[in-house]
C-alpha atoms as a PDB file:
ATOM      1  CA  LEU A   1    -125.412  55.984 -36.640  1.00  0.00           C
ATOM      2  CA  GLY A   2    -122.007  56.091 -34.995  1.00  0.00           C
ATOM      3  CA  ALA A   3    -120.408  56.499 -38.430  1.00  0.00           C
ATOM      4  CA  PHE A   4    -121.938  59.960 -38.778  1.00  0.00           C
ATOM      5  CA  GLY A   5    -119.543  61.115 -36.053  1.00  0.00           C
ATOM      6  CA  ASN A   6    -116.709  60.507 -38.543  1.00  0.00           C
ATOM      7  CA  GLU A   7    -118.381  61.698 -41.728  1.00  0.00           C
ATOM      8  CA  ASP A   8    -115.916  64.564 -42.124  1.00  0.00           C
ATOM      9  CA  VAL A   9    -112.839  62.306 -42.339  1.00  0.00           C
ATOM     10  CA  PRO A  10    -111.067  62.970 -45.661  1.00  0.00           C
ATOM     11  CA  PHE A  11    -110.988  60.030 -48.051  1.00  0.00           C
ATOM     12  CA  GLU A  12    -107.191  60.127 -48.206  1.00  0.00           C
ATOM     13  CA  ARG A  13    -107.031  59.743 -44.414  1.00  0.00           C
ATOM     14  CA  LEU A  14    -109.396  56.773 -44.553  1.00  0.00           C
ATOM     15  CA  VAL A  15    -107.200  55.040 -47.136  1.00  0.00           C
ATOM     16  CA  GLU A  16    -104.118  55.813 -45.041  1.00  0.00           C
ATOM     17  CA  VAL A  17    -105.606  54.300 -41.865  1.00  0.00           C
ATOM     18  CA  LEU A  18    -107.121  51.231 -43.547  1.00  0.00           C
ATOM     19  CA  ASP A  19    -103.999  50.696 -45.660  1.00  0.00           C
ATOM     20  CA  PRO A  20    -105.612  48.418 -48.263  1.00  0.00           C
ATOM     21  CA  ALA A  21    -103.492  46.523 -50.773  1.00  0.00           C
ATOM     22  CA  ARG A  22    -102.681  49.015 -53.522  1.00  0.00           C
ATOM     23  CA  SER A  23    -103.124  48.392 -57.209  1.00  0.00           C
ATOM     24  CA  GLN A  24    -103.183  50.607 -60.267  1.00  0.00           C
ATOM     25  CA  ALA A  25    -105.876  48.306 -61.645  1.00  0.00           C
ATOM     26  CA  HIS A  26    -108.680  49.315 -59.271  1.00  0.00           C
ATOM     27  CA  HIS A  27    -109.870  51.696 -56.580  1.00  0.00           C
ATOM     28  CA  PRO A  28    -108.262  50.995 -53.169  1.00  0.00           C
ATOM     29  CA  LEU A  29    -111.510  50.431 -51.213  1.00  0.00           C
ATOM     30  CA  PHE A  30    -114.332  49.452 -53.560  1.00  0.00           C
ATOM     31  CA  GLN A  31    -115.029  48.711 -57.195  1.00  0.00           C
ATOM     32  CA  VAL A  32    -118.778  49.360 -57.394  1.00  0.00           C
ATOM     33  CA  ALA A  33    -120.360  52.728 -56.584  1.00  0.00           C
ATOM     34  CA  LEU A  34    -123.844  54.221 -56.352  1.00  0.00           C
ATOM     35  CA  PHE A  35    -124.166  57.985 -56.764  1.00  0.00           C
ATOM     36  CA  PHE A  36    -127.343  59.902 -55.971  1.00  0.00           C
ATOM     37  CA  GLN A  37    -126.983  63.223 -57.791  1.00  0.00           C
ATOM     38  CA  ASN A  38    -129.642  65.353 -56.146  1.00  0.00           C
ATOM     39  CA  MET A  39    -127.800  68.685 -56.136  1.00  0.00           C
ATOM     40  CA  ALA A  40    -128.664  71.303 -58.704  1.00  0.00           C
ATOM     41  CA  GLN A  41    -126.036  72.307 -61.239  1.00  0.00           C
ATOM     42  CA  SER A  42    -124.112  75.355 -59.958  1.00  0.00           C
ATOM     43  CA  VAL A  43    -124.117  78.536 -61.954  1.00  0.00           C
ATOM     44  CA  LEU A  44    -121.980  81.563 -61.135  1.00  0.00           C
ATOM     45  CA  GLU A  45    -123.522  84.892 -62.105  1.00  0.00           C
ATOM     46  CA  LEU A  46    -121.297  87.965 -62.304  1.00  0.00           C
ATOM     47  CA  PRO A  47    -122.106  91.316 -63.908  1.00  0.00           C
ATOM     48  CA  GLY A  48    -121.927  90.638 -67.625  1.00  0.00           C
ATOM     49  CA  LEU A  49    -120.746  87.051 -67.135  1.00  0.00           C
ATOM     50  CA  SER A  50    -122.449  83.743 -66.488  1.00  0.00           C
ATOM     51  CA  ILE A  51    -120.416  80.621 -65.735  1.00  0.00           C
ATOM     52  CA  ALA A  52    -121.800  77.083 -65.678  1.00  0.00           C
ATOM     53  CA  GLY A  53    -120.485  73.558 -65.988  1.00  0.00           C
ATOM     54  CA  PHE A  54    -120.055  72.036 -69.417  1.00  0.00           C
ATOM     55  CA  ASP A  55    -120.786  68.391 -70.122  1.00  0.00           C
ATOM     56  CA  ALA A  56    -118.159  67.171 -72.558  1.00  0.00           C
ATOM     57  CA  GLY A  57    -120.246  64.081 -73.265  1.00  0.00           C
ATOM     58  CA  VAL A  58    -117.394  61.700 -72.484  1.00  0.00           C
ATOM     59  CA  GLU A  59    -118.139  59.100 -69.845  1.00  0.00           C
ATOM     60  CA  ILE A  60    -115.062  57.714 -68.107  1.00  0.00           C
ATOM     61  CA  ALA A  61    -115.439  54.793 -65.715  1.00  0.00           C
ATOM     62  CA  LYS A  62    -113.903  55.763 -62.394  1.00  0.00           C
ATOM     63  CA  PHE A  63    -114.949  52.422 -60.904  1.00  0.00           C
ATOM     64  CA  ASP A  64    -115.534  48.945 -62.278  1.00  0.00           C
ATOM     65  CA  LEU A  65    -119.285  49.614 -62.183  1.00  0.00           C
ATOM     66  CA  GLN A  66    -121.046  52.857 -61.296  1.00  0.00           C
ATOM     67  CA  LEU A  67    -124.787  53.538 -61.070  1.00  0.00           C
ATOM     68  CA  THR A  68    -125.756  57.220 -61.068  1.00  0.00           C
ATOM     69  CA  VAL A  69    -129.303  58.242 -60.135  1.00  0.00           C
ATOM     70  CA  SER A  70    -130.400  61.830 -60.855  1.00  0.00           C
ATOM     71  CA  PRO A  71    -133.878  62.697 -59.581  1.00  0.00           C
ATOM     72  CA  LEU A  72    -135.843  65.152 -61.748  1.00  0.00           C
ATOM     73  CA  GLU A  73    -138.184  67.774 -60.350  1.00  0.00           C
ATOM     74  CA  GLU A  74    -140.638  70.170 -61.915  1.00  0.00           C
ATOM     75  CA  ASP A  75    -142.048  72.895 -59.676  1.00  0.00           C
ATOM     76  CA  GLY A  76    -140.721  71.057 -56.612  1.00  0.00           C
ATOM     77  CA  VAL A  77    -142.461  67.792 -57.521  1.00  0.00           C
ATOM     78  CA  GLY A  78    -140.544  64.636 -58.410  1.00  0.00           C
ATOM     79  CA  VAL A  79    -141.179  63.544 -62.002  1.00  0.00           C
ATOM     80  CA  GLY A  80    -138.642  60.781 -62.515  1.00  0.00           C
ATOM     81  CA  MET A  81    -135.262  59.320 -61.689  1.00  0.00           C
ATOM     82  CA  PRO A  82    -133.076  58.724 -64.737  1.00  0.00           C
ATOM     83  CA  MET A  83    -130.237  56.299 -64.083  1.00  0.00           C
ATOM     84  CA  SER A  84    -127.021  55.626 -65.921  1.00  0.00           C
ATOM     85  CA  LEU A  85    -124.525  52.805 -65.665  1.00  0.00           C
ATOM     86  CA  THR A  86    -120.872  53.492 -66.343  1.00  0.00           C
ATOM     87  CA  TYR A  87    -118.522  50.534 -66.448  1.00  0.00           C
ATOM     88  CA  ALA A  88    -114.986  49.434 -67.160  1.00  0.00           C
ATOM     89  CA  THR A  89    -115.088  48.059 -70.691  1.00  0.00           C
ATOM     90  CA  ASP A  90    -112.096  45.825 -70.030  1.00  0.00           C
ATOM     91  CA  LEU A  91    -114.148  43.968 -67.387  1.00  0.00           C
ATOM     92  CA  PHE A  92    -117.716  44.033 -68.727  1.00  0.00           C
ATOM     93  CA  ASP A  93    -119.244  43.877 -72.162  1.00  0.00           C
ATOM     94  CA  GLU A  94    -122.346  45.871 -73.040  1.00  0.00           C
ATOM     95  CA  SER A  95    -124.689  42.857 -72.962  1.00  0.00           C
ATOM     96  CA  THR A  96    -123.654  42.042 -69.381  1.00  0.00           C
ATOM     97  CA  VAL A  97    -124.296  45.591 -68.186  1.00  0.00           C
ATOM     98  CA  VAL A  98    -127.618  45.655 -70.049  1.00  0.00           C
ATOM     99  CA  SER A  99    -128.615  42.471 -68.175  1.00  0.00           C
ATOM    100  CA  PHE A 100    -127.655  44.168 -64.869  1.00  0.00           C
ATOM    101  CA  ALA A 101    -129.889  47.109 -65.792  1.00  0.00           C
ATOM    102  CA  GLU A 102    -132.783  44.816 -66.773  1.00  0.00           C
ATOM    103  CA  ARG A 103    -132.549  43.044 -63.414  1.00  0.00           C
ATOM    104  CA  LEU A 104    -132.521  46.356 -61.555  1.00  0.00           C
ATOM    105  CA  VAL A 105    -135.604  47.480 -63.463  1.00  0.00           C
ATOM    106  CA  ARG A 106    -137.261  44.130 -62.672  1.00  0.00           C
ATOM    107  CA  VAL A 107    -136.626  44.661 -58.928  1.00  0.00           C
ATOM    108  CA  LEU A 108    -137.835  48.272 -58.996  1.00  0.00           C
ATOM    109  CA  GLU A 109    -141.006  47.368 -60.905  1.00  0.00           C
ATOM    110  CA  ALA A 110    -141.748  44.540 -58.465  1.00  0.00           C
ATOM    111  CA  MET A 111    -141.244  46.817 -55.477  1.00  0.00           C
ATOM    112  CA  VAL A 112    -143.529  49.484 -56.946  1.00  0.00           C
ATOM    113  CA  ALA A 113    -146.185  46.855 -57.740  1.00  0.00           C
ATOM    114  CA  GLU A 114    -146.012  45.378 -54.219  1.00  0.00           C
ATOM    115  CA  PRO A 115    -144.356  47.855 -51.809  1.00  0.00           C
ATOM    116  CA  ASP A 116    -144.733  45.525 -48.802  1.00  0.00           C
ATOM    117  CA  SER A 117    -142.902  42.651 -50.474  1.00  0.00           C
ATOM    118  CA  VAL A 118    -139.395  41.566 -49.520  1.00  0.00           C
ATOM    119  CA  VAL A 119    -136.666  42.552 -52.002  1.00  0.00           C
ATOM    120  CA  GLY A 120    -135.024  39.134 -51.630  1.00  0.00           C
ATOM    121  CA  ASP A 121    -138.210  37.482 -52.906  1.00  0.00           C
ATOM    122  CA  VAL A 122    -138.126  39.318 -56.239  1.00  0.00           C
ATOM    123  CA  GLU A 123    -137.259  37.071 -59.177  1.00  0.00           C
ATOM    124  CA  LEU A 124    -134.110  38.477 -60.763  1.00  0.00           C
ATOM    125  CA  LEU A 125    -133.953  36.262 -63.829  1.00  0.00           C
ATOM    126  CA  GLY A 126    -136.239  36.686 -66.815  1.00  0.00           C
ATOM    127  CA  GLU A 127    -137.973  33.663 -68.318  1.00  0.00           C
ATOM    128  CA  ASP A 128    -135.360  33.267 -71.055  1.00  0.00           C
ATOM    129  CA  GLU A 129    -132.508  33.492 -68.526  1.00  0.00           C
ATOM    130  CA  ARG A 130    -134.208  31.091 -66.150  1.00  0.00           C
ATOM    131  CA  SER A 131    -134.679  28.440 -68.825  1.00  0.00           C
ATOM    132  CA  GLN A 132    -131.217  28.989 -70.266  1.00  0.00           C
ATOM    133  CA  VAL A 133    -129.232  29.101 -67.018  1.00  0.00           C
ATOM    134  CA  LEU A 134    -131.174  27.174 -64.435  1.00  0.00           C
ATOM    135  CA  VAL A 135    -132.887  24.537 -66.521  1.00  0.00           C
ATOM    136  CA  ALA A 136    -130.483  23.829 -69.393  1.00  0.00           C
ATOM    137  CA  VAL A 137    -127.230  24.082 -67.436  1.00  0.00           C
ATOM    138  CA  ASN A 138    -128.463  22.590 -64.175  1.00  0.00           C
ATOM    139  CA  ASP A 139    -130.756  19.903 -65.519  1.00  0.00           C
ATOM    140  CA  THR A 140    -130.128  17.426 -62.690  1.00  0.00           C
END
């Protein structure tokens, strides 16, 4: 809770004070990010003119791996939470990111099925992964 007292510190100031090792290859503080996009799209209305954001449809990875969650509402009621993964293609291939997404879905489904369960007890690997990785490779 003490961190909330410093929530207005500009990011640039944080980087300056922490002085992490700099590299053009990655973000100075973290490489994985979670964004919860729960703010409505802004629209500016002027007499005879309406201005709104335009989605160019081009996803650029700002981090090595980024998960964006955008809750949907209809008439003030939640109806879903679409998620998207953006990733650095020089670090991950599509199949790896797909497996990350499948594991996340597995955890979320388990938590919905048994809300009182412990997240750490959820089995992350599917049957095919378990037999391939744990049994075949570690058959000792």
